[in-house]
Amino acid sequence: MSEPRITAHDLCVALKLAHPADEFVTVYEVREATGSVHGSRADAVVMSLHASRGFELTGFEFKCARGDWLAELKNPGKADRIARYCDRWCVFAAPGVVKEGELPVGWGLWELRAGGAIHRRVVPATREPEPLPRAFLASFMRARAKFDADDLAAIASHHRREFERQQRAREEAADGDPVLKRERETLRDGLRKLEEIRQATGIDLTDYPPSRRWIERMRLADSPRLEHALKLLRDVFADDELRRRVDIALGRED
């Protein structure tokens, strides 16, 4: 089975995950300016929020197809309309889109692998950025405002799809491995028993870990010693009512 094609959305998600929100601001589709004349556009701009990193701005161009990259190479100067405000400039691409020796001088290259890992093939050179004009700052802030709950939901959805994909791959691998197959059957049997307990008692054991005291009580409840003690109470010390209650506890009431 061939790997699914990497999309611009995949690159957006991977870039965001690589830059935690408490350390970076990541915005997408940042234009040179707002208004009727938009000029050039960066697919993403990441700003560091820490002085230790110099509050650096890194611009990114996304490339998912070889033809798109070749078109970019015909006019690499177009990127400088925004790259001049950034400390670094980088291409973020699917594997195989950018060939060896094709990068313009100073540009970096990241690649997104099929499993979601980022391979930083070429480190971008540090540039001397121009001061940010207010027109670009306004465009940056507008792009930031677009990153709202819908985008966060998209990231969560991406994670869920990736988990499900990996789970299917593990199950397919287990079909040919007898050890993994037994482990999977044991897991399913355990989950089935937990569901039976939940339906019978209303207690969902998957929601919280049981305490040691509770575990000891469960062991005692299933022990031969407890059954022996109950029988002793019934046969030697109990009146009719207590005998009836003991029989109920032992599961022997008609």
C-alpha atoms as a PDB file:
ATOM      1  CA  MET A   1       0.000   0.000   0.000  1.00  0.00           C
ATOM      2  CA  SER A   2       1.484   3.363  -1.023  1.00  0.00           C
ATOM      3  CA  GLU A   3       1.821   6.155   1.519  1.00  0.00           C
ATOM      4  CA  PRO A   4      -0.784   8.957   1.281  1.00  0.00           C
ATOM      5  CA  ARG A   5       0.320  12.126  -0.473  1.00  0.00           C
ATOM      6  CA  ILE A   6       1.519  14.891   1.840  1.00  0.00           C
ATOM      7  CA  THR A   7      -0.681  17.990   1.644  1.00  0.00           C
ATOM      8  CA  ALA A   8      -0.267  21.642   2.621  1.00  0.00           C
ATOM      9  CA  HIS A   9      -2.536  20.940   5.586  1.00  0.00           C
ATOM     10  CA  ASP A  10      -0.119  18.254   6.791  1.00  0.00           C
ATOM     11  CA  LEU A  11       2.706  20.795   6.606  1.00  0.00           C
ATOM     12  CA  CYS A  12       0.642  23.347   8.563  1.00  0.00           C
ATOM     13  CA  VAL A  13      -0.067  20.859  11.340  1.00  0.00           C
ATOM     14  CA  ALA A  14       3.523  19.598  11.546  1.00  0.00           C
ATOM     15  CA  LEU A  15       4.908  23.145  11.666  1.00  0.00           C
ATOM     16  CA  LYS A  16       2.547  24.100  14.482  1.00  0.00           C
ATOM     17  CA  LEU A  17       3.397  20.981  16.483  1.00  0.00           C
ATOM     18  CA  ALA A  18       7.121  21.690  16.067  1.00  0.00           C
ATOM     19  CA  HIS A  19       6.668  25.154  17.620  1.00  0.00           C
ATOM     20  CA  PRO A  20       4.875  25.003  21.018  1.00  0.00           C
ATOM     21  CA  ALA A  21       2.481  27.892  21.644  1.00  0.00           C
ATOM     22  CA  ASP A  22       4.249  28.936  24.851  1.00  0.00           C
ATOM     23  CA  GLU A  23       7.500  29.477  22.927  1.00  0.00           C
ATOM     24  CA  PHE A  24       6.454  30.538  19.422  1.00  0.00           C
ATOM     25  CA  VAL A  25       3.706  32.235  17.452  1.00  0.00           C
ATOM     26  CA  THR A  26       2.945  30.438  14.188  1.00  0.00           C
ATOM     27  CA  VAL A  27       0.840  32.170  11.539  1.00  0.00           C
ATOM     28  CA  TYR A  28      -0.117  31.134   8.025  1.00  0.00           C
ATOM     29  CA  GLU A  29      -0.571  32.906   4.690  1.00  0.00           C
ATOM     30  CA  VAL A  30       1.176  36.110   5.721  1.00  0.00           C
ATOM     31  CA  ARG A  31       1.076  38.715   2.959  1.00  0.00           C
ATOM     32  CA  GLU A  32       3.431  41.584   2.382  1.00  0.00           C
ATOM     33  CA  ALA A  33       0.737  44.052   3.448  1.00  0.00           C
ATOM     34  CA  THR A  34      -3.004  44.345   4.027  1.00  0.00           C
ATOM     35  CA  GLY A  35      -5.351  46.268   1.779  1.00  0.00           C
ATOM     36  CA  SER A  36      -6.085  46.020  -1.906  1.00  0.00           C
ATOM     37  CA  VAL A  37      -2.423  45.487  -2.865  1.00  0.00           C
ATOM     38  CA  HIS A  38      -1.317  42.308  -1.135  1.00  0.00           C
ATOM     39  CA  GLY A  39       1.996  41.667  -2.909  1.00  0.00           C
ATOM     40  CA  SER A  40       3.917  38.502  -2.087  1.00  0.00           C
ATOM     41  CA  ARG A  41       2.900  35.938   0.504  1.00  0.00           C
ATOM     42  CA  ALA A  42       4.698  33.565   2.880  1.00  0.00           C
ATOM     43  CA  ASP A  43       2.947  30.273   3.556  1.00  0.00           C
ATOM     44  CA  ALA A  44       3.928  30.595   7.219  1.00  0.00           C
ATOM     45  CA  VAL A  45       5.921  32.815   9.538  1.00  0.00           C
ATOM     46  CA  VAL A  46       7.109  31.653  12.972  1.00  0.00           C
ATOM     47  CA  MET A  47       8.174  34.133  15.639  1.00  0.00           C
ATOM     48  CA  SER A  48      10.139  33.161  18.742  1.00  0.00           C
ATOM     49  CA  LEU A  49       8.741  34.567  21.990  1.00  0.00           C
ATOM     50  CA  HIS A  50      11.983  34.313  23.984  1.00  0.00           C
ATOM     51  CA  ALA A  51      14.812  36.819  24.162  1.00  0.00           C
ATOM     52  CA  SER A  52      17.275  33.923  24.326  1.00  0.00           C
ATOM     53  CA  ARG A  53      16.352  33.152  20.708  1.00  0.00           C
ATOM     54  CA  GLY A  54      16.467  36.804  19.728  1.00  0.00           C
ATOM     55  CA  PHE A  55      12.719  37.006  18.950  1.00  0.00           C
ATOM     56  CA  GLU A  56      13.606  35.573  15.557  1.00  0.00           C
ATOM     57  CA  LEU A  57      11.233  35.495  12.602  1.00  0.00           C
ATOM     58  CA  THR A  58      11.476  32.484  10.292  1.00  0.00           C
ATOM     59  CA  GLY A  59       9.533  32.454   7.028  1.00  0.00           C
ATOM     60  CA  PHE A  60       8.420  29.248   5.306  1.00  0.00           C
ATOM     61  CA  GLU A  61       7.413  28.312   1.782  1.00  0.00           C
ATOM     62  CA  PHE A  62       5.372  25.106   1.506  1.00  0.00           C
ATOM     63  CA  LYS A  63       6.031  22.821  -1.457  1.00  0.00           C
ATOM     64  CA  CYS A  64       4.103  19.592  -1.934  1.00  0.00           C
ATOM     65  CA  ALA A  65       4.703  19.069  -5.659  1.00  0.00           C
ATOM     66  CA  ARG A  66       7.812  19.062  -7.804  1.00  0.00           C
ATOM     67  CA  GLY A  67       6.223  21.315 -10.422  1.00  0.00           C
ATOM     68  CA  ASP A  68       5.345  23.946  -7.819  1.00  0.00           C
ATOM     69  CA  TRP A  69       8.954  24.029  -6.670  1.00  0.00           C
ATOM     70  CA  LEU A  70      10.324  24.311 -10.193  1.00  0.00           C
ATOM     71  CA  ALA A  71       8.029  27.293 -10.777  1.00  0.00           C
ATOM     72  CA  GLU A  72       9.404  28.893  -7.603  1.00  0.00           C
ATOM     73  CA  LEU A  73      12.954  28.447  -8.857  1.00  0.00           C
ATOM     74  CA  LYS A  74      12.166  30.511 -11.965  1.00  0.00           C
ATOM     75  CA  ASN A  75      11.619  33.574  -9.779  1.00  0.00           C
ATOM     76  CA  PRO A  76      13.285  33.047  -6.378  1.00  0.00           C
ATOM     77  CA  GLY A  77      13.562  36.802  -5.865  1.00  0.00           C
ATOM     78  CA  LYS A  78       9.794  36.972  -5.316  1.00  0.00           C
ATOM     79  CA  ALA A  79      10.271  35.462  -1.864  1.00  0.00           C
ATOM     80  CA  ASP A  80      12.566  38.322  -0.851  1.00  0.00           C
ATOM     81  CA  ARG A  81       9.551  40.646  -0.677  1.00  0.00           C
ATOM     82  CA  ILE A  82       8.832  39.013   2.715  1.00  0.00           C
ATOM     83  CA  ALA A  83      12.095  37.184   3.424  1.00  0.00           C
ATOM     84  CA  ARG A  84      13.825  40.567   3.897  1.00  0.00           C
ATOM     85  CA  TYR A  85      11.884  40.982   7.171  1.00  0.00           C
ATOM     86  CA  CYS A  86      12.835  37.508   8.452  1.00  0.00           C
ATOM     87  CA  ASP A  87      15.942  36.268  10.239  1.00  0.00           C
ATOM     88  CA  ARG A  88      15.714  32.960   8.368  1.00  0.00           C
ATOM     89  CA  TRP A  89      13.964  31.653   5.266  1.00  0.00           C
ATOM     90  CA  CYS A  90      13.126  28.002   4.746  1.00  0.00           C
ATOM     91  CA  VAL A  91      11.346  25.655   2.332  1.00  0.00           C
ATOM     92  CA  PHE A  92       9.124  23.059   4.022  1.00  0.00           C
ATOM     93  CA  ALA A  93       8.466  20.312   1.495  1.00  0.00           C
ATOM     94  CA  ALA A  94       7.352  16.760   0.887  1.00  0.00           C
ATOM     95  CA  PRO A  95      10.222  14.287   0.349  1.00  0.00           C
ATOM     96  CA  GLY A  96      11.736  14.373  -3.116  1.00  0.00           C
ATOM     97  CA  VAL A  97      10.281  17.747  -4.115  1.00  0.00           C
ATOM     98  CA  VAL A  98      13.569  19.632  -3.722  1.00  0.00           C
ATOM     99  CA  LYS A  99      16.638  18.021  -5.265  1.00  0.00           C
ATOM    100  CA  GLU A 100      20.209  18.322  -4.074  1.00  0.00           C
ATOM    101  CA  GLY A 101      21.847  21.635  -4.991  1.00  0.00           C
ATOM    102  CA  GLU A 102      18.619  23.432  -6.005  1.00  0.00           C
ATOM    103  CA  LEU A 103      18.203  25.678  -2.964  1.00  0.00           C
ATOM    104  CA  PRO A 104      18.978  29.381  -3.389  1.00  0.00           C
ATOM    105  CA  VAL A 105      21.906  30.541  -1.270  1.00  0.00           C
ATOM    106  CA  GLY A 106      21.003  30.924   2.398  1.00  0.00           C
ATOM    107  CA  TRP A 107      17.664  29.125   2.220  1.00  0.00           C
ATOM    108  CA  GLY A 108      16.942  26.201   4.541  1.00  0.00           C
ATOM    109  CA  LEU A 109      15.107  22.964   3.751  1.00  0.00           C
ATOM    110  CA  TRP A 110      12.807  20.919   5.959  1.00  0.00           C
ATOM    111  CA  GLU A 111      11.082  17.758   4.797  1.00  0.00           C
ATOM    112  CA  LEU A 112       8.005  16.118   6.291  1.00  0.00           C
ATOM    113  CA  ARG A 113       8.329  12.345   6.382  1.00  0.00           C
ATOM    114  CA  ALA A 114       5.312  10.084   5.870  1.00  0.00           C
ATOM    115  CA  GLY A 115       5.130   9.233   9.581  1.00  0.00           C
ATOM    116  CA  GLY A 116       4.950  12.898  10.589  1.00  0.00           C
ATOM    117  CA  ALA A 117       8.613  13.404  11.543  1.00  0.00           C
ATOM    118  CA  ILE A 118      10.418  16.513  10.319  1.00  0.00           C
ATOM    119  CA  HIS A 119      13.835  16.103   8.713  1.00  0.00           C
ATOM    120  CA  ARG A 120      15.829  19.352   8.833  1.00  0.00           C
ATOM    121  CA  ARG A 121      17.968  18.716   5.781  1.00  0.00           C
ATOM    122  CA  VAL A 122      19.516  22.188   5.405  1.00  0.00           C
ATOM    123  CA  VAL A 123      19.769  24.757   8.188  1.00  0.00           C
ATOM    124  CA  PRO A 124      18.820  28.226   6.899  1.00  0.00           C
ATOM    125  CA  ALA A 125      21.443  30.930   7.155  1.00  0.00           C
ATOM    126  CA  THR A 126      20.912  33.835   9.550  1.00  0.00           C
ATOM    127  CA  ARG A 127      20.035  37.015   7.685  1.00  0.00           C
ATOM    128  CA  GLU A 128      20.124  40.683   8.650  1.00  0.00           C
ATOM    129  CA  PRO A 129      16.416  41.562   8.509  1.00  0.00           C
ATOM    130  CA  GLU A 130      15.021  44.936   7.575  1.00  0.00           C
ATOM    131  CA  PRO A 131      12.886  46.759  10.162  1.00  0.00           C
ATOM    132  CA  LEU A 132       9.239  45.656  10.066  1.00  0.00           C
ATOM    133  CA  PRO A 133       6.982  48.228   8.385  1.00  0.00           C
ATOM    134  CA  ARG A 134       3.528  48.645   9.895  1.00  0.00           C
ATOM    135  CA  ALA A 135       1.902  47.314   6.724  1.00  0.00           C
ATOM    136  CA  PHE A 136       3.652  43.964   7.190  1.00  0.00           C
ATOM    137  CA  LEU A 137       2.989  43.973  10.950  1.00  0.00           C
ATOM    138  CA  ALA A 138      -0.715  44.512  10.251  1.00  0.00           C
ATOM    139  CA  SER A 139      -0.700  41.599   7.817  1.00  0.00           C
ATOM    140  CA  PHE A 140       1.054  39.405  10.400  1.00  0.00           C
ATOM    141  CA  MET A 141      -1.536  40.245  13.056  1.00  0.00           C
ATOM    142  CA  ARG A 142      -4.438  39.629  10.690  1.00  0.00           C
ATOM    143  CA  ALA A 143      -3.056  36.206   9.779  1.00  0.00           C
ATOM    144  CA  ARG A 144      -2.647  35.427  13.479  1.00  0.00           C
ATOM    145  CA  ALA A 145      -6.313  36.216  14.122  1.00  0.00           C
ATOM    146  CA  LYS A 146      -7.336  33.526  11.639  1.00  0.00           C
ATOM    147  CA  PHE A 147      -5.826  30.796  13.782  1.00  0.00           C
ATOM    148  CA  ASP A 148      -8.839  30.050  15.987  1.00  0.00           C
ATOM    149  CA  ALA A 149     -10.756  27.101  17.373  1.00  0.00           C
ATOM    150  CA  ASP A 150     -11.398  25.667  13.917  1.00  0.00           C
ATOM    151  CA  ASP A 151      -7.669  25.311  13.334  1.00  0.00           C
ATOM    152  CA  LEU A 152      -7.179  23.649  16.721  1.00  0.00           C
ATOM    153  CA  ALA A 153      -9.987  21.231  15.892  1.00  0.00           C
ATOM    154  CA  ALA A 154      -8.271  20.429  12.596  1.00  0.00           C
ATOM    155  CA  ILE A 155      -5.051  19.593  14.446  1.00  0.00           C
ATOM    156  CA  ALA A 156      -6.944  17.329  16.858  1.00  0.00           C
ATOM    157  CA  SER A 157      -8.614  15.618  13.906  1.00  0.00           C
ATOM    158  CA  HIS A 158      -5.227  15.076  12.275  1.00  0.00           C
ATOM    159  CA  HIS A 159      -3.917  13.416  15.437  1.00  0.00           C
ATOM    160  CA  ARG A 160      -6.975  11.175  15.644  1.00  0.00           C
ATOM    161  CA  ARG A 161      -6.632  10.051  12.028  1.00  0.00           C
ATOM    162  CA  GLU A 162      -2.926   9.343  12.506  1.00  0.00           C
ATOM    163  CA  PHE A 163      -3.590   7.308  15.670  1.00  0.00           C
ATOM    164  CA  GLU A 164      -6.278   5.286  13.908  1.00  0.00           C
ATOM    165  CA  ARG A 165      -3.968   4.683  10.964  1.00  0.00           C
ATOM    166  CA  GLN A 166      -1.188   3.434  13.234  1.00  0.00           C
ATOM    167  CA  GLN A 167      -3.656   1.266  15.164  1.00  0.00           C
ATOM    168  CA  ARG A 168      -4.826  -0.379  11.937  1.00  0.00           C
ATOM    169  CA  ALA A 169      -1.196  -0.983  10.964  1.00  0.00           C
ATOM    170  CA  ARG A 170      -0.500  -2.640  14.329  1.00  0.00           C
ATOM    171  CA  GLU A 171      -3.574  -4.859  14.005  1.00  0.00           C
ATOM    172  CA  GLU A 172      -2.578  -5.893  10.497  1.00  0.00           C
ATOM    173  CA  ALA A 173       0.911  -6.752  11.750  1.00  0.00           C
ATOM    174  CA  ALA A 174      -0.584  -8.748  14.635  1.00  0.00           C
ATOM    175  CA  ASP A 175      -2.539 -10.936  12.215  1.00  0.00           C
ATOM    176  CA  GLY A 176       0.735 -12.501  11.105  1.00  0.00           C
ATOM    177  CA  ASP A 177       2.358 -12.641  14.561  1.00  0.00           C
ATOM    178  CA  PRO A 178       0.948 -15.295  16.952  1.00  0.00           C
ATOM    179  CA  VAL A 179       2.356 -13.545  20.060  1.00  0.00           C
ATOM    180  CA  LEU A 180       0.800 -10.197  19.147  1.00  0.00           C
ATOM    181  CA  LYS A 181      -2.428 -11.940  18.217  1.00  0.00           C
ATOM    182  CA  ARG A 182      -2.651 -13.593  21.663  1.00  0.00           C
ATOM    183  CA  GLU A 183      -1.892 -10.279  23.367  1.00  0.00           C
ATOM    184  CA  ARG A 184      -4.618  -8.557  21.373  1.00  0.00           C
ATOM    185  CA  GLU A 185      -7.135 -11.285  22.255  1.00  0.00           C
ATOM    186  CA  THR A 186      -6.180 -10.985  25.936  1.00  0.00           C
ATOM    187  CA  LEU A 187      -6.683  -7.226  25.769  1.00  0.00           C
ATOM    188  CA  ARG A 188     -10.082  -7.574  24.147  1.00  0.00           C
ATOM    189  CA  ASP A 189     -11.133 -10.180  26.701  1.00  0.00           C
ATOM    190  CA  GLY A 190     -10.086  -7.853  29.534  1.00  0.00           C
ATOM    191  CA  LEU A 191     -12.007  -4.936  28.043  1.00  0.00           C
ATOM    192  CA  ARG A 192     -15.081  -7.137  27.670  1.00  0.00           C
ATOM    193  CA  LYS A 193     -14.915  -8.116  31.359  1.00  0.00           C
ATOM    194  CA  LEU A 194     -14.530  -4.481  32.416  1.00  0.00           C
ATOM    195  CA  GLU A 195     -17.624  -3.622  30.390  1.00  0.00           C
ATOM    196  CA  GLU A 196     -19.559  -6.435  32.107  1.00  0.00           C
ATOM    197  CA  ILE A 197     -18.541  -5.007  35.508  1.00  0.00           C
ATOM    198  CA  ARG A 198     -19.654  -1.534  34.439  1.00  0.00           C
ATOM    199  CA  GLN A 199     -23.044  -2.768  33.280  1.00  0.00           C
ATOM    200  CA  ALA A 200     -23.604  -4.805  36.441  1.00  0.00           C
ATOM    201  CA  THR A 201     -22.377  -2.264  39.018  1.00  0.00           C
ATOM    202  CA  GLY A 202     -22.247   1.114  37.293  1.00  0.00           C
ATOM    203  CA  ILE A 203     -18.521   1.294  38.122  1.00  0.00           C
ATOM    204  CA  ASP A 204     -16.283   2.118  35.170  1.00  0.00           C
ATOM    205  CA  LEU A 205     -12.833   0.777  36.095  1.00  0.00           C
ATOM    206  CA  THR A 206     -11.256   2.408  33.036  1.00  0.00           C
ATOM    207  CA  ASP A 207     -11.891   5.883  34.469  1.00  0.00           C
ATOM    208  CA  TYR A 208      -9.603   5.654  37.498  1.00  0.00           C
ATOM    209  CA  PRO A 209      -6.990   3.364  39.068  1.00  0.00           C
ATOM    210  CA  PRO A 210      -8.327   1.350  42.038  1.00  0.00           C
ATOM    211  CA  SER A 211      -6.689   1.905  45.422  1.00  0.00           C
ATOM    212  CA  ARG A 212      -4.669  -0.818  47.154  1.00  0.00           C
ATOM    213  CA  ARG A 213      -7.357  -1.102  49.834  1.00  0.00           C
ATOM    214  CA  TRP A 214     -10.016  -1.687  47.210  1.00  0.00           C
ATOM    215  CA  ILE A 215      -7.883  -4.344  45.487  1.00  0.00           C
ATOM    216  CA  GLU A 216      -7.423  -6.186  48.781  1.00  0.00           C
ATOM    217  CA  ARG A 217     -11.187  -6.163  49.347  1.00  0.00           C
ATOM    218  CA  MET A 218     -11.757  -7.626  45.889  1.00  0.00           C
ATOM    219  CA  ARG A 219      -9.238 -10.384  46.633  1.00  0.00           C
ATOM    220  CA  LEU A 220     -10.954 -11.164  49.945  1.00  0.00           C
ATOM    221  CA  ALA A 221     -14.383 -11.221  48.324  1.00  0.00           C
ATOM    222  CA  ASP A 222     -13.194 -13.935  45.931  1.00  0.00           C
ATOM    223  CA  SER A 223     -11.224 -15.956  48.483  1.00  0.00           C
ATOM    224  CA  PRO A 224     -12.031 -19.436  49.918  1.00  0.00           C
ATOM    225  CA  ARG A 225     -11.420 -18.038  53.432  1.00  0.00           C
ATOM    226  CA  LEU A 226     -14.349 -15.661  53.139  1.00  0.00           C
ATOM    227  CA  GLU A 227     -16.663 -18.423  51.916  1.00  0.00           C
ATOM    228  CA  HIS A 228     -15.574 -20.643  54.813  1.00  0.00           C
ATOM    229  CA  ALA A 229     -16.235 -17.851  57.338  1.00  0.00           C
ATOM    230  CA  LEU A 230     -19.699 -17.230  55.930  1.00  0.00           C
ATOM    231  CA  LYS A 231     -20.591 -20.912  56.103  1.00  0.00           C
ATOM    232  CA  LEU A 232     -19.407 -20.993  59.728  1.00  0.00           C
ATOM    233  CA  LEU A 233     -21.658 -18.040  60.576  1.00  0.00           C
ATOM    234  CA  ARG A 234     -24.595 -19.716  58.884  1.00  0.00           C
ATOM    235  CA  ASP A 235     -24.218 -23.165  60.378  1.00  0.00           C
ATOM    236  CA  VAL A 236     -23.064 -22.424  63.936  1.00  0.00           C
ATOM    237  CA  PHE A 237     -23.826 -18.908  65.109  1.00  0.00           C
ATOM    238  CA  ALA A 238     -26.676 -17.595  62.982  1.00  0.00           C
ATOM    239  CA  ASP A 239     -30.390 -17.345  63.465  1.00  0.00           C
ATOM    240  CA  ASP A 240     -32.784 -17.957  60.577  1.00  0.00           C
ATOM    241  CA  GLU A 241     -32.565 -14.388  59.273  1.00  0.00           C
ATOM    242  CA  LEU A 242     -28.757 -14.343  59.273  1.00  0.00           C
ATOM    243  CA  ARG A 243     -28.676 -17.777  57.589  1.00  0.00           C
ATOM    244  CA  ARG A 244     -30.893 -16.394  54.843  1.00  0.00           C
ATOM    245  CA  ARG A 245     -28.606 -13.387  54.349  1.00  0.00           C
ATOM    246  CA  VAL A 246     -25.509 -15.599  54.223  1.00  0.00           C
ATOM    247  CA  ASP A 247     -27.137 -17.837  51.607  1.00  0.00           C
ATOM    248  CA  ILE A 248     -27.854 -14.729  49.525  1.00  0.00           C
ATOM    249  CA  ALA A 249     -24.221 -13.660  49.839  1.00  0.00           C
ATOM    250  CA  LEU A 250     -23.114 -17.152  48.788  1.00  0.00           C
ATOM    251  CA  GLY A 251     -25.500 -17.060  45.850  1.00  0.00           C
ATOM    252  CA  ARG A 252     -27.587 -20.011  47.073  1.00  0.00           C
ATOM    253  CA  GLU A 253     -31.015 -18.452  47.547  1.00  0.00           C
ATOM    254  CA  ASP A 254     -33.772 -20.137  45.533  1.00  0.00           C
END
